[in-house]
Amino acid sequence: MCLGVPGKIVEVDGLLAVVDFWGVRKHVRLDVVDVPVRPGDYILNHVGFAIRRIPPEDIAETLALYESLLQADASDDLMTTDVRGEIAAGDAPGGKRSG
């Protein structure tokens, strides 16, 4: 299973952004994101690529869902494991590890 993880854009430099995921900052590619983004926007990240901008009206609900996944004590839950793994994974190709 593959799941995107929401994060807040901190800075943008061309097609590379620094994105904050619950205090972990990583570089994310912007090559395939559906609309232009800027600092302060939230994106859905999948394997180092922003795949879509999260509409402002959906941010609170989206973050609440992921927050509940991150706090769950369910090591056998594939969705929880995938979200935790995505946050812990290395940066996108061509990006530098941040944190």
N, C-alpha and C. Protein backbone atom coordinates (compact mmCIF):
# COMPACT_ATOMS: atom_id res chain seq x y z
N MET A 1 0.85 -1.17 0.00
CA MET A 1 0.00 0.00 0.00
C MET A 1 0.90 1.23 0.00
N CYS A 2 0.51 2.22 -0.74
CA CYS A 2 1.24 3.48 -0.76
C CYS A 2 0.27 4.60 -0.42
N LEU A 3 0.72 5.47 0.44
CA LEU A 3 -0.14 6.52 0.94
C LEU A 3 0.61 7.84 0.92
N GLY A 4 -0.04 8.90 0.50
CA GLY A 4 0.57 10.21 0.56
C GLY A 4 0.47 10.76 1.97
N VAL A 5 1.39 11.66 2.30
CA VAL A 5 1.43 12.26 3.63
C VAL A 5 1.38 13.77 3.48
N PRO A 6 0.51 14.45 4.25
CA PRO A 6 0.42 15.90 4.14
C PRO A 6 1.59 16.59 4.85
N GLY A 7 1.99 17.72 4.29
CA GLY A 7 3.03 18.53 4.90
C GLY A 7 2.85 19.98 4.51
N LYS A 8 3.46 20.86 5.30
CA LYS A 8 3.35 22.30 5.06
C LYS A 8 4.62 22.81 4.39
N ILE A 9 4.45 23.50 3.28
CA ILE A 9 5.59 24.05 2.55
C ILE A 9 6.20 25.19 3.36
N VAL A 10 7.51 25.10 3.56
CA VAL A 10 8.25 26.12 4.29
C VAL A 10 8.93 27.08 3.32
N GLU A 11 9.53 26.51 2.26
CA GLU A 11 10.15 27.36 1.24
C GLU A 11 10.13 26.64 -0.10
N VAL A 12 10.20 27.44 -1.16
CA VAL A 12 10.19 26.91 -2.52
C VAL A 12 11.38 27.48 -3.26
N ASP A 13 12.10 26.59 -3.98
CA ASP A 13 13.21 27.00 -4.82
C ASP A 13 13.07 26.25 -6.14
N GLY A 14 12.40 26.88 -7.09
CA GLY A 14 12.15 26.23 -8.37
C GLY A 14 11.22 25.05 -8.20
N LEU A 15 11.71 23.87 -8.56
CA LEU A 15 10.90 22.65 -8.47
C LEU A 15 11.22 21.83 -7.21
N LEU A 16 11.84 22.47 -6.23
CA LEU A 16 12.17 21.81 -4.98
C LEU A 16 11.63 22.64 -3.82
N ALA A 17 10.98 21.98 -2.89
CA ALA A 17 10.43 22.68 -1.72
C ALA A 17 10.95 22.02 -0.45
N VAL A 18 11.07 22.81 0.59
CA VAL A 18 11.29 22.28 1.93
C VAL A 18 9.91 22.19 2.56
N VAL A 19 9.58 21.00 3.04
CA VAL A 19 8.25 20.75 3.58
C VAL A 19 8.37 20.21 5.00
N ASP A 20 7.53 20.71 5.89
CA ASP A 20 7.52 20.28 7.28
C ASP A 20 6.46 19.21 7.49
N PHE A 21 6.90 18.06 7.99
CA PHE A 21 6.03 16.94 8.33
C PHE A 21 6.14 16.70 9.83
N TRP A 22 5.26 17.28 10.60
CA TRP A 22 5.25 17.09 12.05
C TRP A 22 6.63 17.32 12.66
N GLY A 23 7.28 18.41 12.25
CA GLY A 23 8.57 18.76 12.80
C GLY A 23 9.77 18.19 12.06
N VAL A 24 9.54 17.33 11.09
CA VAL A 24 10.60 16.77 10.26
C VAL A 24 10.56 17.50 8.93
N ARG A 25 11.66 18.18 8.61
CA ARG A 25 11.71 18.92 7.34
C ARG A 25 12.45 18.12 6.30
N LYS A 26 11.84 18.05 5.12
CA LYS A 26 12.42 17.29 4.02
C LYS A 26 12.26 18.06 2.72
N HIS A 27 13.13 17.73 1.77
CA HIS A 27 12.98 18.27 0.43
C HIS A 27 11.98 17.43 -0.33
N VAL A 28 11.10 18.10 -1.06
CA VAL A 28 10.06 17.44 -1.85
C VAL A 28 10.07 18.07 -3.25
N ARG A 29 10.00 17.22 -4.27
CA ARG A 29 9.95 17.69 -5.64
C ARG A 29 8.55 18.22 -5.97
N LEU A 30 8.50 19.24 -6.81
CA LEU A 30 7.23 19.86 -7.21
C LEU A 30 6.89 19.61 -8.67
N ASP A 31 7.56 18.68 -9.30
CA ASP A 31 7.38 18.42 -10.73
C ASP A 31 5.96 18.03 -11.12
N VAL A 32 5.25 17.31 -10.25
CA VAL A 32 3.95 16.77 -10.65
C VAL A 32 2.78 17.34 -9.85
N VAL A 33 3.02 18.29 -8.97
CA VAL A 33 1.92 18.85 -8.18
C VAL A 33 0.88 19.46 -9.11
N ASP A 34 -0.39 19.36 -8.74
CA ASP A 34 -1.49 19.73 -9.65
C ASP A 34 -1.66 21.23 -9.88
N VAL A 35 -1.24 22.07 -8.95
CA VAL A 35 -1.33 23.52 -9.10
C VAL A 35 -0.09 24.16 -8.47
N PRO A 36 0.25 25.38 -8.86
CA PRO A 36 1.40 26.04 -8.22
C PRO A 36 1.21 26.16 -6.71
N VAL A 37 2.31 26.06 -5.98
CA VAL A 37 2.27 26.14 -4.51
C VAL A 37 3.27 27.18 -4.04
N ARG A 38 3.07 27.60 -2.80
CA ARG A 38 3.96 28.60 -2.19
C ARG A 38 4.07 28.29 -0.69
N PRO A 39 5.02 28.92 0.00
CA PRO A 39 5.15 28.69 1.44
C PRO A 39 3.83 28.96 2.16
N GLY A 40 3.52 28.06 3.08
CA GLY A 40 2.26 28.14 3.82
C GLY A 40 1.20 27.19 3.30
N ASP A 41 1.34 26.77 2.03
CA ASP A 41 0.41 25.80 1.47
C ASP A 41 0.70 24.41 2.03
N TYR A 42 -0.31 23.57 2.04
CA TYR A 42 -0.14 22.16 2.41
C TYR A 42 -0.23 21.33 1.14
N ILE A 43 0.65 20.32 1.07
CA ILE A 43 0.66 19.42 -0.08
C ILE A 43 0.53 17.98 0.41
N LEU A 44 0.18 17.12 -0.51
CA LEU A 44 0.17 15.69 -0.23
C LEU A 44 1.43 15.13 -0.89
N ASN A 45 2.33 14.58 -0.09
CA ASN A 45 3.61 14.05 -0.54
C ASN A 45 3.51 12.54 -0.73
N HIS A 46 4.08 12.08 -1.84
CA HIS A 46 4.17 10.63 -2.07
C HIS A 46 5.56 10.35 -2.60
N VAL A 47 6.33 9.58 -1.87
CA VAL A 47 7.71 9.20 -2.19
C VAL A 47 8.56 10.36 -2.69
N GLY A 48 8.48 11.47 -1.99
CA GLY A 48 9.33 12.62 -2.30
C GLY A 48 8.80 13.57 -3.34
N PHE A 49 7.57 13.36 -3.79
CA PHE A 49 6.96 14.24 -4.78
C PHE A 49 5.63 14.78 -4.25
N ALA A 50 5.43 16.09 -4.39
CA ALA A 50 4.13 16.69 -4.06
C ALA A 50 3.19 16.30 -5.19
N ILE A 51 2.12 15.57 -4.85
CA ILE A 51 1.22 15.12 -5.91
C ILE A 51 -0.03 15.99 -6.01
N ARG A 52 -0.33 16.73 -4.95
CA ARG A 52 -1.44 17.67 -5.04
C ARG A 52 -1.39 18.65 -3.88
N ARG A 53 -1.92 19.84 -4.13
CA ARG A 53 -2.08 20.85 -3.09
C ARG A 53 -3.36 20.54 -2.35
N ILE A 54 -3.32 20.57 -1.03
CA ILE A 54 -4.52 20.32 -0.24
C ILE A 54 -5.29 21.63 -0.14
N PRO A 55 -6.54 21.64 -0.57
CA PRO A 55 -7.33 22.88 -0.48
C PRO A 55 -7.41 23.36 0.98
N PRO A 56 -7.34 24.67 1.19
CA PRO A 56 -7.36 25.21 2.56
C PRO A 56 -8.53 24.71 3.40
N GLU A 57 -9.69 24.52 2.77
CA GLU A 57 -10.86 24.08 3.53
C GLU A 57 -10.77 22.61 3.96
N ASP A 58 -9.80 21.86 3.43
CA ASP A 58 -9.64 20.45 3.78
C ASP A 58 -8.47 20.18 4.73
N ILE A 59 -7.66 21.19 5.02
CA ILE A 59 -6.45 20.98 5.79
C ILE A 59 -6.72 20.46 7.20
N ALA A 60 -7.60 21.08 7.94
CA ALA A 60 -7.85 20.67 9.33
C ALA A 60 -8.30 19.22 9.41
N GLU A 61 -9.23 18.84 8.57
CA GLU A 61 -9.73 17.46 8.58
C GLU A 61 -8.65 16.46 8.17
N THR A 62 -7.87 16.82 7.16
CA THR A 62 -6.79 15.95 6.69
C THR A 62 -5.74 15.75 7.77
N LEU A 63 -5.31 16.85 8.40
CA LEU A 63 -4.29 16.74 9.45
C LEU A 63 -4.80 15.96 10.65
N ALA A 64 -6.06 16.12 10.99
CA ALA A 64 -6.63 15.37 12.12
C ALA A 64 -6.62 13.87 11.84
N LEU A 65 -6.94 13.49 10.61
CA LEU A 65 -6.91 12.07 10.25
C LEU A 65 -5.50 11.50 10.38
N TYR A 66 -4.52 12.19 9.85
CA TYR A 66 -3.15 11.70 9.90
C TYR A 66 -2.60 11.74 11.33
N GLU A 67 -2.99 12.74 12.09
CA GLU A 67 -2.57 12.81 13.49
C GLU A 67 -3.05 11.58 14.25
N SER A 68 -4.28 11.16 13.99
CA SER A 68 -4.81 9.96 14.67
C SER A 68 -4.03 8.72 14.23
N LEU A 69 -3.62 8.66 12.97
CA LEU A 69 -2.82 7.53 12.50
C LEU A 69 -1.45 7.50 13.18
N LEU A 70 -0.84 8.66 13.32
CA LEU A 70 0.50 8.73 13.91
C LEU A 70 0.49 8.40 15.39
N GLN A 71 -0.61 8.66 16.06
CA GLN A 71 -0.68 8.39 17.49
C GLN A 71 -1.19 6.98 17.80
N ALA A 72 -1.65 6.28 16.78
CA ALA A 72 -2.17 4.93 16.99
C ALA A 72 -1.05 3.98 17.37
N ASP A 73 -1.34 3.08 18.26
CA ASP A 73 -0.39 2.04 18.65
C ASP A 73 -0.77 0.77 17.90
N ALA A 74 -0.46 0.79 16.61
CA ALA A 74 -0.90 -0.32 15.77
C ALA A 74 0.22 -0.70 14.81
N SER A 75 1.21 -1.40 15.30
CA SER A 75 2.34 -1.76 14.45
C SER A 75 1.92 -2.74 13.35
N ASP A 76 0.77 -3.40 13.51
CA ASP A 76 0.30 -4.32 12.48
C ASP A 76 -0.68 -3.65 11.52
N ASP A 77 -0.95 -2.37 11.69
CA ASP A 77 -1.85 -1.62 10.80
C ASP A 77 -1.03 -1.10 9.63
N LEU A 78 -1.33 -1.56 8.43
CA LEU A 78 -0.54 -1.19 7.26
C LEU A 78 -0.58 0.31 6.96
N MET A 79 -1.72 0.96 7.15
CA MET A 79 -1.82 2.38 6.87
C MET A 79 -0.95 3.19 7.84
N THR A 80 -1.01 2.86 9.13
CA THR A 80 -0.20 3.55 10.12
C THR A 80 1.29 3.34 9.83
N THR A 81 1.67 2.13 9.51
CA THR A 81 3.06 1.82 9.20
C THR A 81 3.51 2.59 7.97
N ASP A 82 2.65 2.69 6.95
CA ASP A 82 3.00 3.39 5.73
C ASP A 82 3.19 4.89 5.98
N VAL A 83 2.32 5.51 6.76
CA VAL A 83 2.44 6.93 7.07
C VAL A 83 3.73 7.19 7.83
N ARG A 84 4.00 6.39 8.84
CA ARG A 84 5.24 6.57 9.61
C ARG A 84 6.46 6.37 8.74
N GLY A 85 6.41 5.39 7.85
CA GLY A 85 7.53 5.14 6.95
C GLY A 85 7.76 6.25 5.96
N GLU A 86 6.69 6.81 5.44
CA GLU A 86 6.80 7.92 4.49
C GLU A 86 7.46 9.13 5.15
N ILE A 87 7.09 9.42 6.38
CA ILE A 87 7.70 10.56 7.09
C ILE A 87 9.17 10.29 7.38
N ALA A 88 9.51 9.06 7.72
CA ALA A 88 10.87 8.71 8.08
C ALA A 88 11.78 8.48 6.87
N ALA A 89 11.19 8.30 5.67
CA ALA A 89 11.97 7.96 4.47
C ALA A 89 12.91 9.10 4.07
N GLY A 90 13.87 8.75 3.26
CA GLY A 90 14.83 9.73 2.75
C GLY A 90 14.17 10.71 1.81
N ASP A 91 14.95 11.67 1.37
CA ASP A 91 14.45 12.74 0.50
C ASP A 91 14.26 12.27 -0.93
N ALA A 92 13.65 13.16 -1.70
CA ALA A 92 13.39 12.92 -3.12
C ALA A 92 14.70 12.84 -3.89
N PRO A 93 14.70 12.20 -5.05
CA PRO A 93 15.89 12.16 -5.88
C PRO A 93 16.39 13.57 -6.16
N GLY A 94 17.67 13.78 -5.99
CA GLY A 94 18.24 15.09 -6.25
C GLY A 94 18.15 16.05 -5.09
N GLY A 95 17.42 15.69 -4.07
CA GLY A 95 17.28 16.55 -2.89
C GLY A 95 18.33 16.22 -1.86
N LYS A 96 18.53 17.10 -0.93
CA LYS A 96 19.46 16.86 0.17
C LYS A 96 18.66 16.52 1.41
N ARG A 97 19.21 15.65 2.21
CA ARG A 97 18.52 15.29 3.46
C ARG A 97 18.48 16.50 4.35
N SER A 98 17.30 16.75 4.89
CA SER A 98 17.13 17.86 5.83
C SER A 98 16.54 17.31 7.10
N GLY A 99 16.44 18.12 8.10
CA GLY A 99 15.80 17.61 9.30
C GLY A 99 16.28 18.34 10.43
